[in-house]
Structure formats: C-alpha cells, structure tokens
Protein backbone atom coordinates (compact mmCIF):
# COMPACT_ATOMS: atom_id res chain seq x y z
CA MET A 1 0.00 0.00 0.00
CA ASP A 2 2.92 2.33 0.68
CA VAL A 3 4.18 1.72 -2.84
CA LEU A 4 0.79 2.71 -4.22
CA LYS A 5 0.82 5.92 -2.15
CA GLU A 6 4.32 6.79 -3.39
CA TRP A 7 3.78 5.94 -7.06
CA TRP A 8 0.11 6.87 -7.63
CA GLY A 9 1.04 9.97 -9.65
CA VAL A 10 3.32 8.01 -11.95
CA LEU A 11 0.71 5.26 -12.42
CA LEU A 12 -2.00 7.82 -13.15
CA GLY A 13 0.31 9.56 -15.63
CA ALA A 14 1.09 6.27 -17.37
CA ILE A 15 -2.60 5.36 -17.58
CA THR A 16 -3.40 8.82 -18.94
CA PHE A 17 -0.57 8.52 -21.47
CA VAL A 18 -1.82 5.14 -22.69
CA GLY A 19 -5.37 6.51 -22.90
CA GLY A 20 -4.09 9.45 -24.95
CA LEU A 21 -2.26 7.08 -27.30
CA VAL A 22 -5.41 5.03 -27.80
CA ALA A 23 -7.39 8.20 -28.50
CA GLN A 24 -4.80 9.33 -31.08
CA PHE A 25 -4.85 5.92 -32.78
CA VAL A 26 -8.65 6.03 -33.01
CA ARG A 27 -8.45 9.56 -34.38
CA LEU A 28 -5.88 8.54 -37.00
CA GLU A 29 -7.98 5.54 -38.00
CA ASN A 30 -11.03 7.78 -38.49
CA MET A 31 -8.94 10.20 -40.56
CA GLY A 32 -7.81 7.27 -42.71
CA HIS A 33 -11.42 6.25 -43.34
CA ALA A 34 -12.36 9.85 -44.13
CA ASN A 35 -9.44 10.15 -46.55
CA ALA A 36 -10.42 6.90 -48.27
CA ALA A 37 -13.99 8.18 -48.67
CA GLU A 38 -12.69 11.47 -50.09
CA ILE A 39 -10.47 9.62 -52.56
CA ARG A 40 -13.45 7.56 -53.73
CA ARG A 41 -15.48 10.76 -54.14
CA VAL A 42 -12.69 12.39 -56.18
CA TRP A 43 -12.43 9.33 -58.45
CA ARG A 44 -16.20 9.35 -59.02
CA GLN A 45 -16.04 13.07 -59.82
CA ARG A 46 -13.16 12.40 -62.22
CA GLU A 47 -15.17 9.70 -64.00
CA GLU A 48 -18.13 12.08 -64.32
CA ASP A 49 -15.86 14.83 -65.65
CA LEU A 50 -14.30 12.47 -68.19
CA ARG A 51 -17.76 11.32 -69.29
CA GLY A 52 -18.86 14.94 -69.73
CA GLN A 53 -15.73 15.78 -71.71
CA ARG A 54 -16.21 12.73 -73.93
CA GLU A 55 -19.83 13.70 -74.63
CA ALA A 56 -18.83 17.28 -75.41
CA ARG A 57 -16.05 16.08 -77.71
CA GLU A 58 -18.45 13.73 -79.52
CA ALA A 59 -20.97 16.57 -79.95
CA THR A 60 -18.22 18.81 -81.32
CA ASN A 61 -17.04 16.09 -83.69
CA ARG A 62 -20.62 15.57 -84.93
CA LEU A 63 -20.97 19.31 -85.55
CA ILE A 64 -17.65 19.38 -87.40
CA ALA A 65 -18.73 16.41 -89.53
CA GLU A 66 -22.02 18.12 -90.37
CA LYS A 67 -20.24 21.33 -91.35
CA HIS A 68 -17.74 19.36 -93.41
CA GLN A 69 -20.57 17.63 -95.25
CA GLU A 70 -22.30 20.97 -95.91
CA GLN A 71 -19.06 22.44 -97.24
CA SER A 72 -18.50 19.40 -99.46
CA GLU A 73 -22.00 19.78 -100.91
CA GLN A 74 -21.43 23.50 -101.48
CA LEU A 75 -18.11 22.79 -103.21
CA ARG A 76 -19.78 20.14 -105.42
CA GLU A 77 -22.43 22.69 -106.42
CA LEU A 78 -19.73 25.30 -107.04
CA ARG A 79 -17.76 22.88 -109.21
CA ALA A 80 -20.89 21.98 -111.13
CA ASP A 81 -21.68 25.68 -111.67
CA ILE A 82 -18.12 26.39 -112.85
CA LYS A 83 -18.25 23.42 -115.25
CA ALA A 84 -21.61 24.63 -116.57
CA LEU A 85 -20.23 28.12 -117.13
CA LEU A 86 -17.12 26.80 -118.84
CA HIS A 87 -19.21 24.52 -121.01
CA ARG A 88 -21.45 27.42 -122.06
CA THR A 89 -18.54 29.64 -122.99
CA SER A 90 -16.76 27.07 -125.07
C-alpha cells in the first residue's frame, strides 16, 4: 500500500498517457477512413468529368462532320456551276 501511495502519480500519468495514445490511434484511424472516402469521391467526380468531356467532344465532332458535309456539298455545287459556265462559254 505504501508503494501505491508513493507511485500513484506516476501510475495515473502512465494510464493517462496510454489513454491518450489510444485516442490518437482512433483519431488517425477515423482520418484514414475519411481520406479513403474522399479519394473515392474524387475518383467518381473524375469519371463524371471524363464522361462529360467525352460527350462534349463527340458533340463537337458531330458538328464538325455536319459542317464538313455541308461544305463538301457546297463545293460540289460550285464545281458543277463552274463546269456549266465553262461549257457554255466554249
């Protein structure tokens, strides 16, 4: 009992220290889970962004193809008109 009276402060400090370590480990574990959830969220956001970019690129490519087709038709008409004019003059 005398030993307990002499060393109670040290024992209480050691118990408090171990309790603090356990609390820090729990806190770090929770931070790890939160970070993992954030990483999953960022990857999902990245996939959504890539999907949106792909759709926008496909829409742009369709528009370019349509314009290219219109220009080709206009050039065909222009060529036909030039041939008709050349044929009339000769």
